[in-house]
Amino acid sequence: MTPPTPILQADALSFGYPGQPQGLLFDQLSVRLPPGVSWLCGDEGVGKTTLLQLLAGAVTGSGRVEINGAILDPGSAAHRQQVAWFDPRDAALDSHTARKIFSSLPERHPGFEPAALQAHIEGLSLAPHLDKALFMLSTGSRRKVFIAAALASQATVTLLDQPFMALDRPSIDYLLGVLAEAARHPSRAWVVADYVAPDAVALAAVIELGT
């Protein structure tokens, strides 16, 4: 069977933090994201979060990234529109409310769907927290805000970093249901970076770092 055409294709990705004694974290790395859900895994410190940041254009390295065959400059407006990435550890957003973050989605992601956002707000039990600043939220609720934003963006590529961390059981089950449905999507790609594969989600690809 012919493998599906990648939604995202990255070639010759190289990146290293300044002063990193062991050299580059990534050296000429290639990544292929087919339609559906891919699992990004590997031990602590191998660069799972950094790879997501590279694919999102949140950090600058070298290499080439194509989305649906178009070469995009990582970090450009055109690239950001195609890739949903929200860093739950970003302290710069501490004073923002969930409602403010959600209100920025239509400009950030043209494919944003208000109905999808409302479904995710309900599914993740975020309604009581919409007008609280992020610094007031628990770790789990803070993460749920960014998960809802990423999922509602309807971006071509959605990047989720340890999305189940600190979530309550109903929210975990809801997110697993969303990903199970995403696994069947023919023209979008999701990446879940975690130590364990998402349960009962058919994976389109496994990307293991540090092997």
C-alpha atoms as a PDB file:
ATOM      1  CA  MET A   1       0.000   0.000   0.000  1.00  0.00           C
ATOM      2  CA  THR A   2       1.310   3.435  -0.929  1.00  0.00           C
ATOM      3  CA  PRO A   3       1.884   5.545   2.207  1.00  0.00           C
ATOM      4  CA  PRO A   4      -0.253   8.685   2.441  1.00  0.00           C
ATOM      5  CA  THR A   5       1.231  11.983   1.320  1.00  0.00           C
ATOM      6  CA  PRO A   6       2.609  13.775   4.403  1.00  0.00           C
ATOM      7  CA  ILE A   7       0.705  16.790   5.660  1.00  0.00           C
ATOM      8  CA  LEU A   8       3.958  18.170   7.069  1.00  0.00           C
ATOM      9  CA  GLN A   9       7.411  17.267   5.843  1.00  0.00           C
ATOM     10  CA  ALA A  10      10.527  18.607   7.555  1.00  0.00           C
ATOM     11  CA  ASP A  11      14.025  17.927   6.292  1.00  0.00           C
ATOM     12  CA  ALA A  12      17.526  18.614   7.590  1.00  0.00           C
ATOM     13  CA  LEU A  13      16.315  20.051  10.890  1.00  0.00           C
ATOM     14  CA  SER A  14      19.251  21.076  13.051  1.00  0.00           C
ATOM     15  CA  PHE A  15      19.146  22.787  16.425  1.00  0.00           C
ATOM     16  CA  GLY A  16      21.274  23.178  19.531  1.00  0.00           C
ATOM     17  CA  TYR A  17      21.008  25.327  22.618  1.00  0.00           C
ATOM     18  CA  PRO A  18      23.889  27.780  23.196  1.00  0.00           C
ATOM     19  CA  GLY A  19      26.591  26.201  25.287  1.00  0.00           C
ATOM     20  CA  GLN A  20      25.170  22.722  24.906  1.00  0.00           C
ATOM     21  CA  PRO A  21      28.215  20.544  25.664  1.00  0.00           C
ATOM     22  CA  GLN A  22      27.135  17.531  23.639  1.00  0.00           C
ATOM     23  CA  GLY A  23      26.646  19.539  20.454  1.00  0.00           C
ATOM     24  CA  LEU A  24      23.441  19.731  18.446  1.00  0.00           C
ATOM     25  CA  LEU A  25      20.225  18.376  19.918  1.00  0.00           C
ATOM     26  CA  PHE A  26      19.035  17.653  16.368  1.00  0.00           C
ATOM     27  CA  ASP A  27      21.371  17.203  13.427  1.00  0.00           C
ATOM     28  CA  GLN A  28      19.819  16.803   9.969  1.00  0.00           C
ATOM     29  CA  LEU A  29      16.593  15.356  11.398  1.00  0.00           C
ATOM     30  CA  SER A  30      13.729  14.517   9.031  1.00  0.00           C
ATOM     31  CA  VAL A  31      10.082  14.318  10.125  1.00  0.00           C
ATOM     32  CA  ARG A  32       7.008  13.161   8.213  1.00  0.00           C
ATOM     33  CA  LEU A  33       3.512  13.771   9.568  1.00  0.00           C
ATOM     34  CA  PRO A  34       0.801  11.865   7.703  1.00  0.00           C
ATOM     35  CA  PRO A  35      -2.901  12.628   8.134  1.00  0.00           C
ATOM     36  CA  GLY A  36      -4.231  11.617  11.527  1.00  0.00           C
ATOM     37  CA  VAL A  37      -2.542  11.374  14.915  1.00  0.00           C
ATOM     38  CA  SER A  38       1.195  10.793  15.340  1.00  0.00           C
ATOM     39  CA  TRP A  39       2.878   9.945  18.631  1.00  0.00           C
ATOM     40  CA  LEU A  40       6.167  11.692  19.462  1.00  0.00           C
ATOM     41  CA  CYS A  41       8.009   9.774  22.160  1.00  0.00           C
ATOM     42  CA  GLY A  42      11.395   9.328  23.805  1.00  0.00           C
ATOM     43  CA  ASP A  43      13.110   9.579  27.161  1.00  0.00           C
ATOM     44  CA  GLU A  44      13.443  12.726  29.245  1.00  0.00           C
ATOM     45  CA  GLY A  45      15.743  15.306  27.664  1.00  0.00           C
ATOM     46  CA  VAL A  46      15.756  13.973  24.097  1.00  0.00           C
ATOM     47  CA  GLY A  47      13.984  17.075  22.747  1.00  0.00           C
ATOM     48  CA  LYS A  48      10.285  16.275  22.360  1.00  0.00           C
ATOM     49  CA  THR A  49       9.163  19.772  23.347  1.00  0.00           C
ATOM     50  CA  THR A  50      11.972  21.388  21.368  1.00  0.00           C
ATOM     51  CA  LEU A  51      10.969  19.490  18.230  1.00  0.00           C
ATOM     52  CA  LEU A  52       7.392  20.733  18.610  1.00  0.00           C
ATOM     53  CA  GLN A  53       8.735  24.270  19.014  1.00  0.00           C
ATOM     54  CA  LEU A  54      10.835  23.865  15.855  1.00  0.00           C
ATOM     55  CA  LEU A  55       7.871  22.600  13.855  1.00  0.00           C
ATOM     56  CA  ALA A  56       5.814  25.515  15.180  1.00  0.00           C
ATOM     57  CA  GLY A  57       8.500  28.098  14.430  1.00  0.00           C
ATOM     58  CA  ALA A  58       8.657  29.036  18.118  1.00  0.00           C
ATOM     59  CA  VAL A  59      12.428  28.498  18.173  1.00  0.00           C
ATOM     60  CA  THR A  60      14.834  29.043  15.304  1.00  0.00           C
ATOM     61  CA  GLY A  61      16.950  26.285  13.840  1.00  0.00           C
ATOM     62  CA  SER A  62      17.903  25.303  10.325  1.00  0.00           C
ATOM     63  CA  GLY A  63      16.150  23.087   7.801  1.00  0.00           C
ATOM     64  CA  ARG A  64      13.118  23.099   5.564  1.00  0.00           C
ATOM     65  CA  VAL A  65       9.453  22.675   6.464  1.00  0.00           C
ATOM     66  CA  GLU A  66       6.697  21.974   3.947  1.00  0.00           C
ATOM     67  CA  ILE A  67       2.988  21.862   4.702  1.00  0.00           C
ATOM     68  CA  ASN A  68       0.834  20.340   1.987  1.00  0.00           C
ATOM     69  CA  GLY A  69       3.723  20.773  -0.441  1.00  0.00           C
ATOM     70  CA  ALA A  70       4.269  24.480   0.238  1.00  0.00           C
ATOM     71  CA  ILE A  71       7.622  25.525   1.694  1.00  0.00           C
ATOM     72  CA  LEU A  72       6.965  27.874   4.599  1.00  0.00           C
ATOM     73  CA  ASP A  73       9.370  30.016   6.569  1.00  0.00           C
ATOM     74  CA  PRO A  74       9.043  28.748  10.176  1.00  0.00           C
ATOM     75  CA  GLY A  75       7.693  31.527  12.344  1.00  0.00           C
ATOM     76  CA  SER A  76       6.153  33.448   9.446  1.00  0.00           C
ATOM     77  CA  ALA A  77       2.495  34.470   9.561  1.00  0.00           C
ATOM     78  CA  ALA A  78       1.659  31.916   6.857  1.00  0.00           C
ATOM     79  CA  HIS A  79       3.346  29.187   8.879  1.00  0.00           C
ATOM     80  CA  ARG A  80       1.681  30.156  12.167  1.00  0.00           C
ATOM     81  CA  GLN A  81      -1.736  30.032  10.535  1.00  0.00           C
ATOM     82  CA  GLN A  82      -1.131  26.419   9.526  1.00  0.00           C
ATOM     83  CA  VAL A  83       0.271  25.185  12.845  1.00  0.00           C
ATOM     84  CA  ALA A  84      -1.477  25.293  16.226  1.00  0.00           C
ATOM     85  CA  TRP A  85       0.985  25.428  19.128  1.00  0.00           C
ATOM     86  CA  PHE A  86       0.364  26.835  22.592  1.00  0.00           C
ATOM     87  CA  ASP A  87       2.986  26.458  25.292  1.00  0.00           C
ATOM     88  CA  PRO A  88       1.229  25.920  28.647  1.00  0.00           C
ATOM     89  CA  ARG A  89       4.403  26.992  30.459  1.00  0.00           C
ATOM     90  CA  ASP A  90       4.531  30.416  28.779  1.00  0.00           C
ATOM     91  CA  ALA A  91       4.656  32.831  31.716  1.00  0.00           C
ATOM     92  CA  ALA A  92       4.030  35.778  29.377  1.00  0.00           C
ATOM     93  CA  LEU A  93       0.383  34.732  29.271  1.00  0.00           C
ATOM     94  CA  ASP A  94      -0.115  34.511  33.045  1.00  0.00           C
ATOM     95  CA  SER A  95      -2.243  37.653  33.235  1.00  0.00           C
ATOM     96  CA  HIS A  96      -4.461  36.647  30.289  1.00  0.00           C
ATOM     97  CA  THR A  97      -7.851  35.086  30.808  1.00  0.00           C
ATOM     98  CA  ALA A  98      -9.053  32.061  28.876  1.00  0.00           C
ATOM     99  CA  ARG A  99     -11.619  34.280  27.181  1.00  0.00           C
ATOM    100  CA  LYS A 100      -8.886  36.650  25.973  1.00  0.00           C
ATOM    101  CA  ILE A 101      -6.828  33.787  24.591  1.00  0.00           C
ATOM    102  CA  PHE A 102      -9.854  32.355  22.810  1.00  0.00           C
ATOM    103  CA  SER A 103     -10.734  35.786  21.364  1.00  0.00           C
ATOM    104  CA  SER A 104      -7.348  35.869  19.595  1.00  0.00           C
ATOM    105  CA  LEU A 105      -8.003  32.642  17.691  1.00  0.00           C
ATOM    106  CA  PRO A 106      -9.914  34.018  14.648  1.00  0.00           C
ATOM    107  CA  GLU A 107      -7.011  36.319  13.742  1.00  0.00           C
ATOM    108  CA  ARG A 108      -4.350  33.740  14.527  1.00  0.00           C
ATOM    109  CA  HIS A 109      -6.052  30.835  12.732  1.00  0.00           C
ATOM    110  CA  PRO A 110      -8.440  31.664   9.867  1.00  0.00           C
ATOM    111  CA  GLY A 111     -10.016  28.199  10.048  1.00  0.00           C
ATOM    112  CA  PHE A 112     -11.104  28.693  13.661  1.00  0.00           C
ATOM    113  CA  GLU A 113     -14.607  27.407  14.402  1.00  0.00           C
ATOM    114  CA  PRO A 114     -16.572  28.975  17.300  1.00  0.00           C
ATOM    115  CA  ALA A 115     -18.824  25.914  17.541  1.00  0.00           C
ATOM    116  CA  ALA A 116     -15.789  23.669  17.986  1.00  0.00           C
ATOM    117  CA  LEU A 117     -14.447  25.946  20.707  1.00  0.00           C
ATOM    118  CA  GLN A 118     -17.749  25.819  22.567  1.00  0.00           C
ATOM    119  CA  ALA A 119     -17.757  22.030  22.374  1.00  0.00           C
ATOM    120  CA  HIS A 120     -14.244  21.868  23.790  1.00  0.00           C
ATOM    121  CA  ILE A 121     -15.081  24.354  26.552  1.00  0.00           C
ATOM    122  CA  GLU A 122     -17.955  22.115  27.594  1.00  0.00           C
ATOM    123  CA  GLY A 123     -16.032  18.872  27.132  1.00  0.00           C
ATOM    124  CA  LEU A 124     -13.125  20.120  29.252  1.00  0.00           C
ATOM    125  CA  SER A 125     -15.356  21.816  31.876  1.00  0.00           C
ATOM    126  CA  LEU A 126     -13.810  25.238  31.287  1.00  0.00           C
ATOM    127  CA  ALA A 127     -16.935  27.390  31.543  1.00  0.00           C
ATOM    128  CA  PRO A 128     -16.341  28.397  35.217  1.00  0.00           C
ATOM    129  CA  HIS A 129     -12.795  29.529  34.391  1.00  0.00           C
ATOM    130  CA  LEU A 130     -13.251  31.704  31.299  1.00  0.00           C
ATOM    131  CA  ASP A 131     -12.712  35.017  33.079  1.00  0.00           C
ATOM    132  CA  LYS A 132      -9.937  33.963  35.449  1.00  0.00           C
ATOM    133  CA  ALA A 133      -6.343  34.950  34.748  1.00  0.00           C
ATOM    134  CA  LEU A 134      -4.195  31.952  33.942  1.00  0.00           C
ATOM    135  CA  PHE A 135      -2.043  32.409  37.039  1.00  0.00           C
ATOM    136  CA  MET A 136      -5.187  31.772  39.104  1.00  0.00           C
ATOM    137  CA  LEU A 137      -5.850  28.395  37.501  1.00  0.00           C
ATOM    138  CA  SER A 138      -4.652  24.967  38.548  1.00  0.00           C
ATOM    139  CA  THR A 139      -2.050  23.304  36.338  1.00  0.00           C
ATOM    140  CA  GLY A 140      -4.724  21.080  34.826  1.00  0.00           C
ATOM    141  CA  SER A 141      -7.167  23.896  34.081  1.00  0.00           C
ATOM    142  CA  ARG A 142      -4.397  26.019  32.588  1.00  0.00           C
ATOM    143  CA  ARG A 143      -3.443  23.152  30.281  1.00  0.00           C
ATOM    144  CA  LYS A 144      -7.081  22.657  29.306  1.00  0.00           C
ATOM    145  CA  VAL A 145      -7.296  26.278  28.124  1.00  0.00           C
ATOM    146  CA  PHE A 146      -4.447  25.734  25.678  1.00  0.00           C
ATOM    147  CA  ILE A 147      -5.736  22.344  24.580  1.00  0.00           C
ATOM    148  CA  ALA A 148      -9.143  23.851  23.797  1.00  0.00           C
ATOM    149  CA  ALA A 149      -7.504  26.707  21.883  1.00  0.00           C
ATOM    150  CA  ALA A 150      -5.325  24.349  19.833  1.00  0.00           C
ATOM    151  CA  LEU A 151      -8.186  22.009  18.998  1.00  0.00           C
ATOM    152  CA  ALA A 152     -10.585  24.825  18.083  1.00  0.00           C
ATOM    153  CA  SER A 153      -8.029  26.445  15.778  1.00  0.00           C
ATOM    154  CA  GLN A 154      -8.795  23.834  13.100  1.00  0.00           C
ATOM    155  CA  ALA A 155      -5.187  24.262  11.980  1.00  0.00           C
ATOM    156  CA  THR A 156      -3.690  21.938   9.403  1.00  0.00           C
ATOM    157  CA  VAL A 157      -1.163  20.740  12.002  1.00  0.00           C
ATOM    158  CA  THR A 158      -1.909  20.662  15.737  1.00  0.00           C
ATOM    159  CA  LEU A 159       0.920  20.096  18.226  1.00  0.00           C
ATOM    160  CA  LEU A 160       0.103  18.892  21.750  1.00  0.00           C
ATOM    161  CA  ASP A 161       2.815  18.556  24.402  1.00  0.00           C
ATOM    162  CA  GLN A 162       1.936  16.074  27.174  1.00  0.00           C
ATOM    163  CA  PRO A 163      -1.724  17.049  26.893  1.00  0.00           C
ATOM    164  CA  PHE A 164      -2.949  14.603  29.541  1.00  0.00           C
ATOM    165  CA  MET A 165      -0.684  15.888  32.316  1.00  0.00           C
ATOM    166  CA  ALA A 166      -2.648  17.047  35.394  1.00  0.00           C
ATOM    167  CA  LEU A 167      -6.035  16.520  33.688  1.00  0.00           C
ATOM    168  CA  ASP A 168      -8.982  15.016  35.557  1.00  0.00           C
ATOM    169  CA  ARG A 169     -10.365  11.692  34.324  1.00  0.00           C
ATOM    170  CA  PRO A 170     -13.420  13.125  32.486  1.00  0.00           C
ATOM    171  CA  SER A 171     -11.177  15.563  30.604  1.00  0.00           C
ATOM    172  CA  ILE A 172      -8.743  12.776  29.712  1.00  0.00           C
ATOM    173  CA  ASP A 173     -11.608  10.708  28.346  1.00  0.00           C
ATOM    174  CA  TYR A 174     -12.928  13.671  26.383  1.00  0.00           C
ATOM    175  CA  LEU A 175      -9.548  14.398  24.829  1.00  0.00           C
ATOM    176  CA  LEU A 176      -9.043  10.730  23.935  1.00  0.00           C
ATOM    177  CA  GLY A 177     -12.396  10.823  22.150  1.00  0.00           C
ATOM    178  CA  VAL A 178     -11.366  13.930  20.198  1.00  0.00           C
ATOM    179  CA  LEU A 179      -8.078  12.290  19.196  1.00  0.00           C
ATOM    180  CA  ALA A 180      -9.799   9.044  18.204  1.00  0.00           C
ATOM    181  CA  GLU A 181     -11.939  11.055  15.813  1.00  0.00           C
ATOM    182  CA  ALA A 182      -8.916  13.067  14.638  1.00  0.00           C
ATOM    183  CA  ALA A 183      -7.154   9.817  13.746  1.00  0.00           C
ATOM    184  CA  ARG A 184      -9.630   9.371  10.893  1.00  0.00           C
ATOM    185  CA  HIS A 185      -9.225  12.855   9.423  1.00  0.00           C
ATOM    186  CA  PRO A 186      -7.935  12.746   5.826  1.00  0.00           C
ATOM    187  CA  SER A 187      -6.323  16.188   5.562  1.00  0.00           C
ATOM    188  CA  ARG A 188      -5.072  17.311   8.982  1.00  0.00           C
ATOM    189  CA  ALA A 189      -2.309  16.103  11.293  1.00  0.00           C
ATOM    190  CA  TRP A 190      -2.018  16.020  15.073  1.00  0.00           C
ATOM    191  CA  VAL A 191       1.114  15.300  17.113  1.00  0.00           C
ATOM    192  CA  VAL A 192       0.912  14.076  20.707  1.00  0.00           C
ATOM    193  CA  ALA A 193       4.272  14.303  22.486  1.00  0.00           C
ATOM    194  CA  ASP A 194       4.221  12.067  25.546  1.00  0.00           C
ATOM    195  CA  TYR A 195       5.945   9.150  27.235  1.00  0.00           C
ATOM    196  CA  VAL A 196       2.957   6.866  26.640  1.00  0.00           C
ATOM    197  CA  ALA A 197       0.853   6.579  23.494  1.00  0.00           C
ATOM    198  CA  PRO A 198      -2.715   7.909  23.758  1.00  0.00           C
ATOM    199  CA  ASP A 199      -4.958   5.009  24.693  1.00  0.00           C
ATOM    200  CA  ALA A 200      -7.255   3.530  22.016  1.00  0.00           C
ATOM    201  CA  VAL A 201      -6.191   6.076  19.381  1.00  0.00           C
ATOM    202  CA  ALA A 202      -5.158   4.656  15.998  1.00  0.00           C
ATOM    203  CA  LEU A 203      -1.725   6.110  15.272  1.00  0.00           C
ATOM    204  CA  ALA A 204      -0.697   7.222  11.796  1.00  0.00           C
ATOM    205  CA  ALA A 205       2.990   7.353  12.764  1.00  0.00           C
ATOM    206  CA  VAL A 206       5.383   7.005  15.678  1.00  0.00           C
ATOM    207  CA  ILE A 207       8.342   9.385  15.962  1.00  0.00           C
ATOM    208  CA  GLU A 208      10.818   8.135  18.548  1.00  0.00           C
ATOM    209  CA  LEU A 209      13.650  10.460  19.518  1.00  0.00           C
ATOM    210  CA  GLY A 210      16.920   9.356  21.014  1.00  0.00           C
ATOM    211  CA  THR A 211      17.113   6.006  19.226  1.00  0.00           C
END
